[in-house]
C-alpha atoms as a PDB file:
ATOM      1  CA  UNK A   1      12.379  -5.042 122.774  1.00  0.00           C
ATOM      2  CA  UNK A   2      14.391  -6.413 125.359  1.00  0.00           C
ATOM      3  CA  UNK A   3      17.107  -9.501 124.842  1.00  0.00           C
ATOM      4  CA  UNK A   4      15.255 -11.936 127.113  1.00  0.00           C
ATOM      5  CA  UNK A   5      12.147 -11.358 125.519  1.00  0.00           C
ATOM      6  CA  UNK A   6      13.537 -11.687 121.824  1.00  0.00           C
ATOM      7  CA  UNK A   7      14.897 -14.878 123.294  1.00  0.00           C
ATOM      8  CA  UNK A   8      11.888 -16.113 124.565  1.00  0.00           C
ATOM      9  CA  UNK A   9       9.832 -14.819 121.311  1.00  0.00           C
ATOM     10  CA  UNK A  10      12.490 -16.384 119.209  1.00  0.00           C
ATOM     11  CA  UNK A  11      11.625 -19.970 120.612  1.00  0.00           C
ATOM     12  CA  UNK A  12       8.115 -19.712 120.933  1.00  0.00           C
ATOM     13  CA  UNK A  13       7.914 -19.001 117.035  1.00  0.00           C
ATOM     14  CA  UNK A  14      10.726 -21.352 116.166  1.00  0.00           C
ATOM     15  CA  UNK A  15       8.765 -24.337 118.044  1.00  0.00           C
ATOM     16  CA  UNK A  16       5.616 -23.446 116.590  1.00  0.00           C
ATOM     17  CA  UNK A  17       7.267 -23.833 113.065  1.00  0.00           C
ATOM     18  CA  UNK A  18       8.551 -27.024 114.043  1.00  0.00           C
ATOM     19  CA  UNK A  19       5.176 -28.325 115.056  1.00  0.00           C
ATOM     20  CA  UNK A  20       3.512 -26.778 111.808  1.00  0.00           C
ATOM     21  CA  UNK A  21       6.217 -27.244 109.023  1.00  0.00           C
ATOM     22  CA  UNK A  22       3.907 -26.332 106.270  1.00  0.00           C
ATOM     23  CA  UNK A  23       3.909 -22.863 107.861  1.00  0.00           C
ATOM     24  CA  UNK A  24       5.718 -19.726 107.060  1.00  0.00           C
ATOM     25  CA  UNK A  25       7.571 -17.415 109.956  1.00  0.00           C
ATOM     26  CA  UNK A  26       4.794 -14.530 108.719  1.00  0.00           C
ATOM     27  CA  UNK A  27       1.909 -17.012 109.584  1.00  0.00           C
ATOM     28  CA  UNK A  28       2.788 -17.212 113.070  1.00  0.00           C
ATOM     29  CA  UNK A  29      -0.238 -16.685 115.280  1.00  0.00           C
ATOM     30  CA  UNK A  30       1.218 -14.450 117.816  1.00  0.00           C
ATOM     31  CA  UNK A  31       1.954 -11.883 115.514  1.00  0.00           C
ATOM     32  CA  UNK A  32      -0.303  -8.678 116.260  1.00  0.00           C
ATOM     33  CA  UNK A  33      -1.573  -8.725 112.615  1.00  0.00           C
ATOM     34  CA  UNK A  34      -2.437 -12.464 112.813  1.00  0.00           C
ATOM     35  CA  UNK A  35      -4.404 -11.371 116.233  1.00  0.00           C
ATOM     36  CA  UNK A  36      -1.592 -12.325 118.511  1.00  0.00           C
ATOM     37  CA  UNK A  37       0.360 -10.081 120.901  1.00  0.00           C
ATOM     38  CA  UNK A  38       3.667 -10.199 119.301  1.00  0.00           C
ATOM     39  CA  UNK A  39       5.056  -6.861 117.882  1.00  0.00           C
ATOM     40  CA  UNK A  40       6.466  -6.598 114.342  1.00  0.00           C
ATOM     41  CA  UNK A  41      10.197  -8.006 114.124  1.00  0.00           C
ATOM     42  CA  UNK A  42      12.913  -6.889 111.190  1.00  0.00           C
ATOM     43  CA  UNK A  43      12.679  -9.820 108.851  1.00  0.00           C
ATOM     44  CA  UNK A  44      10.043 -11.763 111.030  1.00  0.00           C
ATOM     45  CA  UNK A  45      12.666 -12.984 113.449  1.00  0.00           C
ATOM     46  CA  UNK A  46      13.542 -11.544 116.807  1.00  0.00           C
ATOM     47  CA  UNK A  47      17.364 -12.039 116.783  1.00  0.00           C
ATOM     48  CA  UNK A  48      17.152  -9.445 113.652  1.00  0.00           C
ATOM     49  CA  UNK A  49      15.092  -7.260 115.764  1.00  0.00           C
ATOM     50  CA  UNK A  50      17.434  -7.792 118.708  1.00  0.00           C
ATOM     51  CA  UNK A  51      20.389  -6.936 116.664  1.00  0.00           C
ATOM     52  CA  UNK A  52      18.942  -4.297 114.827  1.00  0.00           C
ATOM     53  CA  UNK A  53      19.747  -6.092 111.398  1.00  0.00           C
ATOM     54  CA  UNK A  54      23.614  -6.019 111.929  1.00  0.00           C
ATOM     55  CA  UNK A  55      23.942  -9.540 111.623  1.00  0.00           C
ATOM     56  CA  UNK A  56      27.555  -9.716 112.923  1.00  0.00           C
ATOM     57  CA  UNK A  57      25.765  -8.842 116.071  1.00  0.00           C
ATOM     58  CA  UNK A  58      23.308 -11.573 116.300  1.00  0.00           C
ATOM     59  CA  UNK A  59      22.338 -12.936 119.510  1.00  0.00           C
ATOM     60  CA  UNK A  60      21.872 -16.439 118.416  1.00  0.00           C
ATOM     61  CA  UNK A  61      25.043 -18.660 118.267  1.00  0.00           C
ATOM     62  CA  UNK A  62      24.648 -20.044 114.766  1.00  0.00           C
ATOM     63  CA  UNK A  63      28.139 -22.250 115.199  1.00  0.00           C
ATOM     64  CA  UNK A  64      29.737 -21.191 111.652  1.00  0.00           C
ATOM     65  CA  UNK A  65      31.300 -18.339 110.061  1.00  0.00           C
ATOM     66  CA  UNK A  66      30.257 -15.094 108.623  1.00  0.00           C
ATOM     67  CA  UNK A  67      29.486 -15.556 105.075  1.00  0.00           C
ATOM     68  CA  UNK A  68      28.823 -12.600 102.875  1.00  0.00           C
ATOM     69  CA  UNK A  69      28.309 -10.380 106.327  1.00  0.00           C
ATOM     70  CA  UNK A  70      25.351 -13.184 106.948  1.00  0.00           C
ATOM     71  CA  UNK A  71      25.117 -16.211 109.538  1.00  0.00           C
ATOM     72  CA  UNK A  72      21.854 -17.369 108.363  1.00  0.00           C
ATOM     73  CA  UNK A  73      20.559 -16.287 105.458  1.00  0.00           C
ATOM     74  CA  UNK A  74      22.976 -16.570 102.682  1.00  0.00           C
ATOM     75  CA  UNK A  75      25.625 -19.666 104.126  1.00  0.00           C
ATOM     76  CA  UNK A  76      24.652 -22.621 102.999  1.00  0.00           C
ATOM     77  CA  UNK A  77      25.569 -24.456 105.969  1.00  0.00           C
ATOM     78  CA  UNK A  78      23.214 -22.598 108.354  1.00  0.00           C
ATOM     79  CA  UNK A  79      20.215 -24.540 109.511  1.00  0.00           C
ATOM     80  CA  UNK A  80      17.908 -21.332 108.310  1.00  0.00           C
ATOM     81  CA  UNK A  81      19.279 -21.158 104.656  1.00  0.00           C
ATOM     82  CA  UNK A  82      18.032 -24.929 104.453  1.00  0.00           C
ATOM     83  CA  UNK A  83      15.066 -24.390 106.327  1.00  0.00           C
ATOM     84  CA  UNK A  84      13.926 -21.328 103.308  1.00  0.00           C
ATOM     85  CA  UNK A  85      14.897 -23.987 100.724  1.00  0.00           C
ATOM     86  CA  UNK A  86      13.953 -27.071 102.440  1.00  0.00           C
ATOM     87  CA  UNK A  87      10.293 -28.776 100.491  1.00  0.00           C
ATOM     88  CA  UNK A  88       9.910 -31.964 102.805  1.00  0.00           C
ATOM     89  CA  UNK A  89       8.164 -31.489 106.206  1.00  0.00           C
ATOM     90  CA  UNK A  90       9.718 -33.622 108.160  1.00  0.00           C
ATOM     91  CA  UNK A  91      13.566 -32.353 107.500  1.00  0.00           C
ATOM     92  CA  UNK A  92      12.018 -28.697 107.489  1.00  0.00           C
ATOM     93  CA  UNK A  93      10.612 -29.694 110.801  1.00  0.00           C
ATOM     94  CA  UNK A  94      14.007 -30.615 112.109  1.00  0.00           C
ATOM     95  CA  UNK A  95      15.438 -27.482 111.050  1.00  0.00           C
ATOM     96  CA  UNK A  96      12.939 -25.284 112.799  1.00  0.00           C
ATOM     97  CA  UNK A  97      13.722 -27.428 115.869  1.00  0.00           C
ATOM     98  CA  UNK A  98      17.020 -26.793 115.449  1.00  0.00           C
ATOM     99  CA  UNK A  99      16.536 -23.174 114.925  1.00  0.00           C
ATOM    100  CA  UNK A 100      14.456 -22.795 118.032  1.00  0.00           C
ATOM    101  CA  UNK A 101      17.195 -24.522 120.214  1.00  0.00           C
ATOM    102  CA  UNK A 102      20.414 -22.010 119.013  1.00  0.00           C
ATOM    103  CA  UNK A 103      22.523 -20.968 122.010  1.00  0.00           C
ATOM    104  CA  UNK A 104      22.635 -17.443 122.876  1.00  0.00           C
ATOM    105  CA  UNK A 105      26.133 -15.560 122.295  1.00  0.00           C
ATOM    106  CA  UNK A 106      27.045 -14.047 125.182  1.00  0.00           C
ATOM    107  CA  UNK A 107      27.954 -10.903 123.969  1.00  0.00           C
END
């Protein structure tokens, strides 16, 4: 997958998650297994797919330091870390929106 496509699909999926805070990444209707056209991505994440799961090479600028080799899941300051654990749909929607708009690193 080319970087441009990964960026576009990342933004589409997380925008959908912001609009559907009660859903999980694997429920995105655009995944091929859900009838859409988006190919499988490592961890259901186009950023992970683009960098072959080498977190230090993530295309997204999380604005935080790497923690335990990871920007997003293990770092308590990460919007993704908090999105995974959040129960309130309003906050979950906000976090998904933040993730959808993360800047792209120039790497």
